[in-house]
Amino acid sequence: MEKEIFCDRVSLTLAKHVAEVTLTRPREHNGLDWAMIDGLLAAQQRLTELDGLRAVVLAGEGKSFCAGLDMAAIMTQPQRLPSLLTADERGINPVQRLALGWRDAGVPVIAALHGHVYGGGLQIALGADIRVTHPDASLALLEIVWGIIPDMAISVTASDIRHDVLRELAWTGRKLDGAESLSLGIVTRLADDPQETARTIAASIAARSPRAVAAARELFTLAPELSQRERLALEARLQGGLLGGEEQVEAVAARMGRREPHFP
């Protein structure tokens, strides 16, 4: 597909079942102004409409992934501020959707992080399934310096990060490099070229059985809220839906035949 542009701030391409969403406000380190917010929400919606989508790469153009909220730009339209906290029928408001909305694509999302990853930028990244980070990247929750709290669904997206780590970052605004972010479990892995590594991961996922990837995603998403008995039942149900299916038969045949599988 040809590159799509949303609000002159976000681009989207799709090739070989992998979509790439890129923040394109490089001179401002991809800071979140109103157009960037609108563009990201529009790109998220577009992802839900794409046929054959199997993975998403989320990246930022220029020197940074996203430096967070551009407060000066946001304050040029103060009348829009209340809308940011107005929830939809699912109880999600627009700023929370900036992080949670990637889940609506229904496929794994890999964020490539470099440069400044601050405030809303870090919270958007936490909405991804996998985060690949440059060793020299700088990550922080800077909301506290503005006298506010991180509120972009971080209580949901960061639920598997140690609570004491989140408290320190939210209370102090301390900046972390890639290595410390990895050691604290905030990112998945380090890479000198995060975007290329994210693309490699996405391509590997796209080459696997889409139904198996979706089932694993469902398992890991739903299991934390279930009892042990319910978790085990969910595993068995999801596996039962895969065994003997067309994609599972193809996966076995490809493995036995020492060839790459083909999933239309």
C-alpha atoms as a PDB file:
ATOM      1  CA  MET A   1       0.000   0.000   0.000  1.00  0.00           C
ATOM      2  CA  GLU A   2       1.074   3.597  -0.470  1.00  0.00           C
ATOM      3  CA  LYS A   3       2.144   5.597   2.550  1.00  0.00           C
ATOM      4  CA  GLU A   4      -0.783   7.140   4.397  1.00  0.00           C
ATOM      5  CA  ILE A   5      -0.356  10.388   6.323  1.00  0.00           C
ATOM      6  CA  PHE A   6      -2.500  11.402   9.272  1.00  0.00           C
ATOM      7  CA  CYS A   7      -2.746  15.070  10.306  1.00  0.00           C
ATOM      8  CA  ASP A   8       0.707  15.740   8.853  1.00  0.00           C
ATOM      9  CA  ARG A   9       2.165  14.046  11.951  1.00  0.00           C
ATOM     10  CA  VAL A  10       1.961  10.267  11.541  1.00  0.00           C
ATOM     11  CA  SER A  11       2.702   7.993   8.599  1.00  0.00           C
ATOM     12  CA  LEU A  12       1.577   4.410   8.028  1.00  0.00           C
ATOM     13  CA  THR A  13       2.825   1.835   5.536  1.00  0.00           C
ATOM     14  CA  LEU A  14       1.989  -1.853   5.097  1.00  0.00           C
ATOM     15  CA  ALA A  15       4.260  -4.429   3.467  1.00  0.00           C
ATOM     16  CA  LYS A  16       4.413  -8.222   3.823  1.00  0.00           C
ATOM     17  CA  HIS A  17       1.753  -8.193   6.557  1.00  0.00           C
ATOM     18  CA  VAL A  18       3.683  -5.704   8.717  1.00  0.00           C
ATOM     19  CA  ALA A  19       2.491  -2.139   9.269  1.00  0.00           C
ATOM     20  CA  GLU A  20       4.929   0.588  10.224  1.00  0.00           C
ATOM     21  CA  VAL A  21       3.578   3.592  12.104  1.00  0.00           C
ATOM     22  CA  THR A  22       5.994   6.519  12.363  1.00  0.00           C
ATOM     23  CA  LEU A  23       5.731   9.765  14.315  1.00  0.00           C
ATOM     24  CA  THR A  24       6.862  12.485  11.908  1.00  0.00           C
ATOM     25  CA  ARG A  25       7.466  15.694  13.844  1.00  0.00           C
ATOM     26  CA  PRO A  26      11.246  15.344  14.113  1.00  0.00           C
ATOM     27  CA  ARG A  27      12.230  18.974  14.715  1.00  0.00           C
ATOM     28  CA  GLU A  28      10.228  18.875  17.973  1.00  0.00           C
ATOM     29  CA  HIS A  29      11.423  15.382  18.908  1.00  0.00           C
ATOM     30  CA  ASN A  30       7.944  14.144  17.975  1.00  0.00           C
ATOM     31  CA  GLY A  31       6.365  16.022  20.849  1.00  0.00           C
ATOM     32  CA  LEU A  32       2.634  15.528  21.280  1.00  0.00           C
ATOM     33  CA  ASP A  33       0.702  18.518  19.987  1.00  0.00           C
ATOM     34  CA  TRP A  34      -2.979  18.388  19.036  1.00  0.00           C
ATOM     35  CA  ALA A  35      -2.225  17.274  15.481  1.00  0.00           C
ATOM     36  CA  MET A  36       0.044  14.468  16.727  1.00  0.00           C
ATOM     37  CA  ILE A  37      -2.633  13.272  19.144  1.00  0.00           C
ATOM     38  CA  ASP A  38      -5.268  13.304  16.406  1.00  0.00           C
ATOM     39  CA  GLY A  39      -2.886  11.626  13.952  1.00  0.00           C
ATOM     40  CA  LEU A  40      -1.985   8.806  16.308  1.00  0.00           C
ATOM     41  CA  LEU A  41      -5.638   8.116  17.108  1.00  0.00           C
ATOM     42  CA  ALA A  42      -6.459   8.078  13.393  1.00  0.00           C
ATOM     43  CA  ALA A  43      -3.568   5.711  12.659  1.00  0.00           C
ATOM     44  CA  GLN A  44      -4.735   3.358  15.400  1.00  0.00           C
ATOM     45  CA  GLN A  45      -8.192   3.282  13.863  1.00  0.00           C
ATOM     46  CA  ARG A  46      -6.715   2.613  10.421  1.00  0.00           C
ATOM     47  CA  LEU A  47      -4.796  -0.375  11.747  1.00  0.00           C
ATOM     48  CA  THR A  48      -8.075  -2.025  12.733  1.00  0.00           C
ATOM     49  CA  GLU A  49      -9.235  -1.760   9.114  1.00  0.00           C
ATOM     50  CA  LEU A  50      -6.217  -3.370   7.423  1.00  0.00           C
ATOM     51  CA  ASP A  51      -6.645  -6.846   5.946  1.00  0.00           C
ATOM     52  CA  GLY A  52      -3.842  -9.334   6.468  1.00  0.00           C
ATOM     53  CA  LEU A  53      -2.158  -7.390   9.245  1.00  0.00           C
ATOM     54  CA  ARG A  54       0.100  -9.570  11.425  1.00  0.00           C
ATOM     55  CA  ALA A  55       2.419  -7.163  13.261  1.00  0.00           C
ATOM     56  CA  VAL A  56       3.056  -3.451  13.790  1.00  0.00           C
ATOM     57  CA  VAL A  57       6.292  -1.498  14.180  1.00  0.00           C
ATOM     58  CA  LEU A  58       5.950   1.801  16.042  1.00  0.00           C
ATOM     59  CA  ALA A  59       8.804   4.305  15.623  1.00  0.00           C
ATOM     60  CA  GLY A  60       9.751   7.969  15.640  1.00  0.00           C
ATOM     61  CA  GLU A  61      11.436   9.934  12.862  1.00  0.00           C
ATOM     62  CA  GLY A  62      14.544  11.971  13.640  1.00  0.00           C
ATOM     63  CA  LYS A  63      16.541  12.108  16.869  1.00  0.00           C
ATOM     64  CA  SER A  64      13.845  10.844  19.253  1.00  0.00           C
ATOM     65  CA  PHE A  65      10.928   8.468  19.540  1.00  0.00           C
ATOM     66  CA  CYS A  66       8.710  10.963  21.376  1.00  0.00           C
ATOM     67  CA  ALA A  67       9.594  13.652  23.910  1.00  0.00           C
ATOM     68  CA  GLY A  68       6.102  13.627  25.403  1.00  0.00           C
ATOM     69  CA  LEU A  69       3.491  16.350  25.637  1.00  0.00           C
ATOM     70  CA  ASP A  70       4.332  19.638  23.911  1.00  0.00           C
ATOM     71  CA  MET A  71       2.751  21.755  26.618  1.00  0.00           C
ATOM     72  CA  ALA A  72       3.212  25.057  24.789  1.00  0.00           C
ATOM     73  CA  ALA A  73       1.462  23.730  21.690  1.00  0.00           C
ATOM     74  CA  ILE A  74      -1.310  22.088  23.706  1.00  0.00           C
ATOM     75  CA  MET A  75      -2.041  25.323  25.559  1.00  0.00           C
ATOM     76  CA  THR A  76      -2.755  27.127  22.282  1.00  0.00           C
ATOM     77  CA  GLN A  77      -6.143  25.374  22.337  1.00  0.00           C
ATOM     78  CA  PRO A  78      -7.108  25.277  26.030  1.00  0.00           C
ATOM     79  CA  GLN A  79     -10.761  24.773  25.118  1.00  0.00           C
ATOM     80  CA  ARG A  80      -9.879  21.247  23.965  1.00  0.00           C
ATOM     81  CA  LEU A  81      -8.309  20.197  27.266  1.00  0.00           C
ATOM     82  CA  PRO A  82     -11.522  18.801  28.859  1.00  0.00           C
ATOM     83  CA  SER A  83     -11.985  16.510  25.855  1.00  0.00           C
ATOM     84  CA  LEU A  84      -8.769  14.684  26.711  1.00  0.00           C
ATOM     85  CA  LEU A  85     -10.346  13.330  29.895  1.00  0.00           C
ATOM     86  CA  THR A  86     -13.769  12.473  28.446  1.00  0.00           C
ATOM     87  CA  ALA A  87     -14.185   8.701  28.359  1.00  0.00           C
ATOM     88  CA  ASP A  88     -15.893   6.737  25.599  1.00  0.00           C
ATOM     89  CA  GLU A  89     -18.376   3.892  26.048  1.00  0.00           C
ATOM     90  CA  ARG A  90     -15.528   1.576  27.077  1.00  0.00           C
ATOM     91  CA  GLY A  91     -14.364   3.975  29.773  1.00  0.00           C
ATOM     92  CA  ILE A  92     -11.244   5.027  27.848  1.00  0.00           C
ATOM     93  CA  ASN A  93     -10.452   8.683  27.240  1.00  0.00           C
ATOM     94  CA  PRO A  94      -8.383   9.950  24.261  1.00  0.00           C
ATOM     95  CA  VAL A  95      -5.029  10.226  26.055  1.00  0.00           C
ATOM     96  CA  GLN A  96      -5.459   6.716  27.465  1.00  0.00           C
ATOM     97  CA  ARG A  97      -6.318   5.495  23.987  1.00  0.00           C
ATOM     98  CA  LEU A  98      -2.950   6.782  22.746  1.00  0.00           C
ATOM     99  CA  ALA A  99      -1.412   3.902  24.713  1.00  0.00           C
ATOM    100  CA  LEU A 100      -4.214   1.326  24.813  1.00  0.00           C
ATOM    101  CA  GLY A 101      -5.335   1.821  21.212  1.00  0.00           C
ATOM    102  CA  TRP A 102      -2.509  -0.287  19.786  1.00  0.00           C
ATOM    103  CA  ARG A 103      -4.183  -3.331  21.312  1.00  0.00           C
ATOM    104  CA  ASP A 104      -7.206  -2.807  19.080  1.00  0.00           C
ATOM    105  CA  ALA A 105      -5.088  -3.749  16.056  1.00  0.00           C
ATOM    106  CA  GLY A 106      -5.283  -7.328  17.331  1.00  0.00           C
ATOM    107  CA  VAL A 107      -1.646  -8.113  16.500  1.00  0.00           C
ATOM    108  CA  PRO A 108       1.714  -7.757  18.271  1.00  0.00           C
ATOM    109  CA  VAL A 109       3.104  -4.208  18.362  1.00  0.00           C
ATOM    110  CA  ILE A 110       6.863  -3.608  18.587  1.00  0.00           C
ATOM    111  CA  ALA A 111       8.067  -0.142  19.598  1.00  0.00           C
ATOM    112  CA  ALA A 112      11.518   1.072  18.498  1.00  0.00           C
ATOM    113  CA  LEU A 113      12.816   3.594  21.037  1.00  0.00           C
ATOM    114  CA  HIS A 114      15.692   6.051  20.718  1.00  0.00           C
ATOM    115  CA  GLY A 115      16.611   9.522  21.856  1.00  0.00           C
ATOM    116  CA  HIS A 116      14.059  11.127  24.159  1.00  0.00           C
ATOM    117  CA  VAL A 117      11.296   8.830  25.379  1.00  0.00           C
ATOM    118  CA  TYR A 118       9.635  11.077  27.921  1.00  0.00           C
ATOM    119  CA  GLY A 119       6.261  11.328  29.606  1.00  0.00           C
ATOM    120  CA  GLY A 120       3.553  10.573  27.086  1.00  0.00           C
ATOM    121  CA  GLY A 121       6.170   9.125  24.758  1.00  0.00           C
ATOM    122  CA  LEU A 122       7.130   6.482  27.307  1.00  0.00           C
ATOM    123  CA  GLN A 123       3.482   5.799  28.091  1.00  0.00           C
ATOM    124  CA  ILE A 124       2.712   5.277  24.398  1.00  0.00           C
ATOM    125  CA  ALA A 125       5.637   2.848  24.238  1.00  0.00           C
ATOM    126  CA  LEU A 126       4.304   0.951  27.253  1.00  0.00           C
ATOM    127  CA  GLY A 127       1.200   0.240  25.186  1.00  0.00           C
ATOM    128  CA  ALA A 128       3.313  -1.866  22.819  1.00  0.00           C
ATOM    129  CA  ASP A 129       3.892  -5.571  23.408  1.00  0.00           C
ATOM    130  CA  ILE A 130       7.661  -5.388  22.861  1.00  0.00           C
ATOM    131  CA  ARG A 131      10.037  -2.441  23.315  1.00  0.00           C
ATOM    132  CA  VAL A 132      13.434  -2.376  21.581  1.00  0.00           C
ATOM    133  CA  THR A 133      15.617   0.431  22.878  1.00  0.00           C
ATOM    134  CA  HIS A 134      18.891   2.101  21.949  1.00  0.00           C
ATOM    135  CA  PRO A 135      21.466   1.921  24.774  1.00  0.00           C
ATOM    136  CA  ASP A 136      21.776   5.722  24.772  1.00  0.00           C
ATOM    137  CA  ALA A 137      18.038   6.404  24.812  1.00  0.00           C
ATOM    138  CA  SER A 138      16.710   8.481  27.710  1.00  0.00           C
ATOM    139  CA  LEU A 139      13.447   7.310  29.297  1.00  0.00           C
ATOM    140  CA  ALA A 140      11.475   9.154  31.967  1.00  0.00           C
ATOM    141  CA  LEU A 141       8.044   9.909  33.361  1.00  0.00           C
ATOM    142  CA  LEU A 142       8.329  13.695  33.445  1.00  0.00           C
ATOM    143  CA  GLU A 143       4.723  14.498  34.316  1.00  0.00           C
ATOM    144  CA  ILE A 144       5.710  15.304  37.907  1.00  0.00           C
ATOM    145  CA  VAL A 145       7.718  18.360  36.779  1.00  0.00           C
ATOM    146  CA  TRP A 146       4.458  19.790  35.381  1.00  0.00           C
ATOM    147  CA  GLY A 147       2.619  19.023  38.611  1.00  0.00           C
ATOM    148  CA  ILE A 148       0.566  16.189  37.112  1.00  0.00           C
ATOM    149  CA  ILE A 149       0.612  12.391  37.064  1.00  0.00           C
ATOM    150  CA  PRO A 150       1.119   9.873  34.263  1.00  0.00           C
ATOM    151  CA  ASP A 151      -2.453   9.159  33.143  1.00  0.00           C
ATOM    152  CA  MET A 152      -2.188   7.525  29.723  1.00  0.00           C
ATOM    153  CA  ALA A 153      -3.461   4.131  30.940  1.00  0.00           C
ATOM    154  CA  ILE A 154      -0.162   3.453  32.736  1.00  0.00           C
ATOM    155  CA  SER A 155      -2.045   1.683  35.522  1.00  0.00           C
ATOM    156  CA  VAL A 156      -2.994  -0.894  32.872  1.00  0.00           C
ATOM    157  CA  THR A 157      -0.047  -1.004  30.486  1.00  0.00           C
ATOM    158  CA  ALA A 158       2.616  -1.053  33.219  1.00  0.00           C
ATOM    159  CA  SER A 159       0.871  -3.533  35.479  1.00  0.00           C
ATOM    160  CA  ASP A 160       3.684  -6.059  35.015  1.00  0.00           C
ATOM    161  CA  ILE A 161       6.442  -3.589  35.971  1.00  0.00           C
ATOM    162  CA  ARG A 162       7.565  -3.506  39.604  1.00  0.00           C
ATOM    163  CA  HIS A 163       5.424  -1.087  41.569  1.00  0.00           C
ATOM    164  CA  ASP A 164       8.358   0.411  43.464  1.00  0.00           C
ATOM    165  CA  VAL A 165      10.079   1.195  40.157  1.00  0.00           C
ATOM    166  CA  LEU A 166       6.994   2.970  38.823  1.00  0.00           C
ATOM    167  CA  ARG A 167       6.558   4.923  42.038  1.00  0.00           C
ATOM    168  CA  GLU A 168      10.136   6.194  41.977  1.00  0.00           C
ATOM    169  CA  LEU A 169       9.933   7.246  38.337  1.00  0.00           C
ATOM    170  CA  ALA A 170       6.528   8.909  38.739  1.00  0.00           C
ATOM    171  CA  TRP A 171       7.531  10.729  41.943  1.00  0.00           C
ATOM    172  CA  THR A 172      10.982  11.923  40.838  1.00  0.00           C
ATOM    173  CA  GLY A 173      10.976  12.214  37.028  1.00  0.00           C
ATOM    174  CA  ARG A 174      14.414  10.545  37.018  1.00  0.00           C
ATOM    175  CA  LYS A 175      15.826   9.725  33.580  1.00  0.00           C
ATOM    176  CA  LEU A 176      17.014   6.220  32.721  1.00  0.00           C
ATOM    177  CA  ASP A 177      19.321   5.071  29.951  1.00  0.00           C
ATOM    178  CA  GLY A 178      18.620   1.965  27.911  1.00  0.00           C
ATOM    179  CA  ALA A 179      20.652  -0.385  30.089  1.00  0.00           C
ATOM    180  CA  GLU A 180      18.923   0.619  33.323  1.00  0.00           C
ATOM    181  CA  SER A 181      15.529   0.526  31.615  1.00  0.00           C
ATOM    182  CA  LEU A 182      16.278  -3.047  30.574  1.00  0.00           C
ATOM    183  CA  SER A 183      17.454  -4.060  34.043  1.00  0.00           C
ATOM    184  CA  LEU A 184      14.257  -2.656  35.567  1.00  0.00           C
ATOM    185  CA  GLY A 185      12.021  -4.504  33.106  1.00  0.00           C
ATOM    186  CA  ILE A 186      10.702  -1.403  31.364  1.00  0.00           C
ATOM    187  CA  VAL A 187      12.029  -2.423  27.952  1.00  0.00           C
ATOM    188  CA  THR A 188      12.476  -5.810  26.287  1.00  0.00           C
ATOM    189  CA  ARG A 189      15.929  -5.602  24.727  1.00  0.00           C
ATOM    190  CA  LEU A 190      18.659  -3.228  23.567  1.00  0.00           C
ATOM    191  CA  ALA A 191      19.793  -2.666  19.979  1.00  0.00           C
ATOM    192  CA  ASP A 192      22.088  -0.219  18.225  1.00  0.00           C
ATOM    193  CA  ASP A 193      19.432   0.090  15.517  1.00  0.00           C
ATOM    194  CA  PRO A 194      16.092  -0.329  17.348  1.00  0.00           C
ATOM    195  CA  GLN A 195      13.941   0.268  14.284  1.00  0.00           C
ATOM    196  CA  GLU A 196      15.703  -2.353  12.171  1.00  0.00           C
ATOM    197  CA  THR A 197      15.600  -4.826  15.055  1.00  0.00           C
ATOM    198  CA  ALA A 198      11.890  -4.123  15.534  1.00  0.00           C
ATOM    199  CA  ARG A 199      11.344  -4.775  11.833  1.00  0.00           C
ATOM    200  CA  THR A 200      13.186  -8.096  12.103  1.00  0.00           C
ATOM    201  CA  ILE A 201      11.053  -9.143  15.072  1.00  0.00           C
ATOM    202  CA  ALA A 202       7.863  -8.109  13.267  1.00  0.00           C
ATOM    203  CA  ALA A 203       8.862 -10.046  10.139  1.00  0.00           C
ATOM    204  CA  SER A 204       9.563 -13.139  12.237  1.00  0.00           C
ATOM    205  CA  ILE A 205       6.143 -12.888  13.885  1.00  0.00           C
ATOM    206  CA  ALA A 206       4.459 -12.321  10.519  1.00  0.00           C
ATOM    207  CA  ALA A 207       6.022 -15.537   9.218  1.00  0.00           C
ATOM    208  CA  ARG A 208       4.368 -17.623  11.964  1.00  0.00           C
ATOM    209  CA  SER A 209       0.845 -18.988  12.099  1.00  0.00           C
ATOM    210  CA  PRO A 210      -1.450 -15.977  12.531  1.00  0.00           C
ATOM    211  CA  ARG A 211      -3.940 -18.042  14.485  1.00  0.00           C
ATOM    212  CA  ALA A 212      -1.249 -19.324  16.870  1.00  0.00           C
ATOM    213  CA  VAL A 213       0.129 -15.814  17.387  1.00  0.00           C
ATOM    214  CA  ALA A 214      -3.371 -14.527  18.104  1.00  0.00           C
ATOM    215  CA  ALA A 215      -4.053 -17.370  20.531  1.00  0.00           C
ATOM    216  CA  ALA A 216      -0.827 -16.729  22.438  1.00  0.00           C
ATOM    217  CA  ARG A 217      -1.653 -13.029  22.568  1.00  0.00           C
ATOM    218  CA  GLU A 218      -5.125 -13.790  23.929  1.00  0.00           C
ATOM    219  CA  LEU A 219      -3.672 -16.126  26.559  1.00  0.00           C
ATOM    220  CA  PHE A 220      -1.117 -13.634  27.851  1.00  0.00           C
ATOM    221  CA  THR A 221      -3.659 -10.807  27.813  1.00  0.00           C
ATOM    222  CA  LEU A 222      -6.465 -12.587  29.641  1.00  0.00           C
ATOM    223  CA  ALA A 223      -4.608 -14.893  32.018  1.00  0.00           C
ATOM    224  CA  PRO A 224      -3.516 -12.329  34.651  1.00  0.00           C
ATOM    225  CA  GLU A 225      -7.150 -11.619  35.559  1.00  0.00           C
ATOM    226  CA  LEU A 226      -8.098 -15.298  35.917  1.00  0.00           C
ATOM    227  CA  SER A 227      -7.820 -17.909  38.638  1.00  0.00           C
ATOM    228  CA  GLN A 228      -5.396 -20.798  38.175  1.00  0.00           C
ATOM    229  CA  ARG A 229      -8.220 -23.107  37.129  1.00  0.00           C
ATOM    230  CA  GLU A 230      -9.474 -20.580  34.588  1.00  0.00           C
ATOM    231  CA  ARG A 231      -5.977 -19.993  33.205  1.00  0.00           C
ATOM    232  CA  LEU A 232      -5.416 -23.702  32.622  1.00  0.00           C
ATOM    233  CA  ALA A 233      -8.840 -24.051  31.004  1.00  0.00           C
ATOM    234  CA  LEU A 234      -8.063 -21.096  28.716  1.00  0.00           C
ATOM    235  CA  GLU A 235      -4.762 -22.693  27.646  1.00  0.00           C
ATOM    236  CA  ALA A 236      -6.534 -25.947  26.801  1.00  0.00           C
ATOM    237  CA  ARG A 237      -9.343 -24.204  24.923  1.00  0.00           C
ATOM    238  CA  LEU A 238      -6.992 -22.113  22.831  1.00  0.00           C
ATOM    239  CA  GLN A 239      -4.769 -25.090  22.037  1.00  0.00           C
ATOM    240  CA  GLY A 240      -7.792 -27.144  21.088  1.00  0.00           C
ATOM    241  CA  GLY A 241      -8.752 -24.526  18.558  1.00  0.00           C
ATOM    242  CA  LEU A 242      -5.324 -24.803  16.901  1.00  0.00           C
ATOM    243  CA  LEU A 243      -4.607 -28.539  16.841  1.00  0.00           C
ATOM    244  CA  GLY A 244      -5.408 -30.097  13.498  1.00  0.00           C
ATOM    245  CA  GLY A 245      -6.324 -26.803  11.922  1.00  0.00           C
ATOM    246  CA  GLU A 246      -5.125 -25.744   8.493  1.00  0.00           C
ATOM    247  CA  GLU A 247      -2.390 -23.482   9.805  1.00  0.00           C
ATOM    248  CA  GLN A 248      -1.139 -25.994  12.351  1.00  0.00           C
ATOM    249  CA  VAL A 249      -0.990 -28.720   9.700  1.00  0.00           C
ATOM    250  CA  GLU A 250       0.989 -26.369   7.442  1.00  0.00           C
ATOM    251  CA  ALA A 251       3.376 -25.507  10.286  1.00  0.00           C
ATOM    252  CA  VAL A 252       4.082 -29.188  10.922  1.00  0.00           C
ATOM    253  CA  ALA A 253       4.475 -29.964   7.218  1.00  0.00           C
ATOM    254  CA  ALA A 254       6.904 -27.069   6.776  1.00  0.00           C
ATOM    255  CA  ARG A 255       8.934 -28.153   9.792  1.00  0.00           C
ATOM    256  CA  MET A 256       9.111 -31.762   8.653  1.00  0.00           C
ATOM    257  CA  GLY A 257       9.910 -30.707   5.099  1.00  0.00           C
ATOM    258  CA  ARG A 258      12.596 -28.262   6.230  1.00  0.00           C
ATOM    259  CA  ARG A 259      10.973 -25.362   4.420  1.00  0.00           C
ATOM    260  CA  GLU A 260       9.372 -22.084   5.357  1.00  0.00           C
ATOM    261  CA  PRO A 261       5.638 -22.302   6.120  1.00  0.00           C
ATOM    262  CA  HIS A 262       3.124 -20.487   3.959  1.00  0.00           C
ATOM    263  CA  PHE A 263       0.145 -18.865   5.601  1.00  0.00           C
ATOM    264  CA  PRO A 264      -2.034 -16.975   3.081  1.00  0.00           C
END
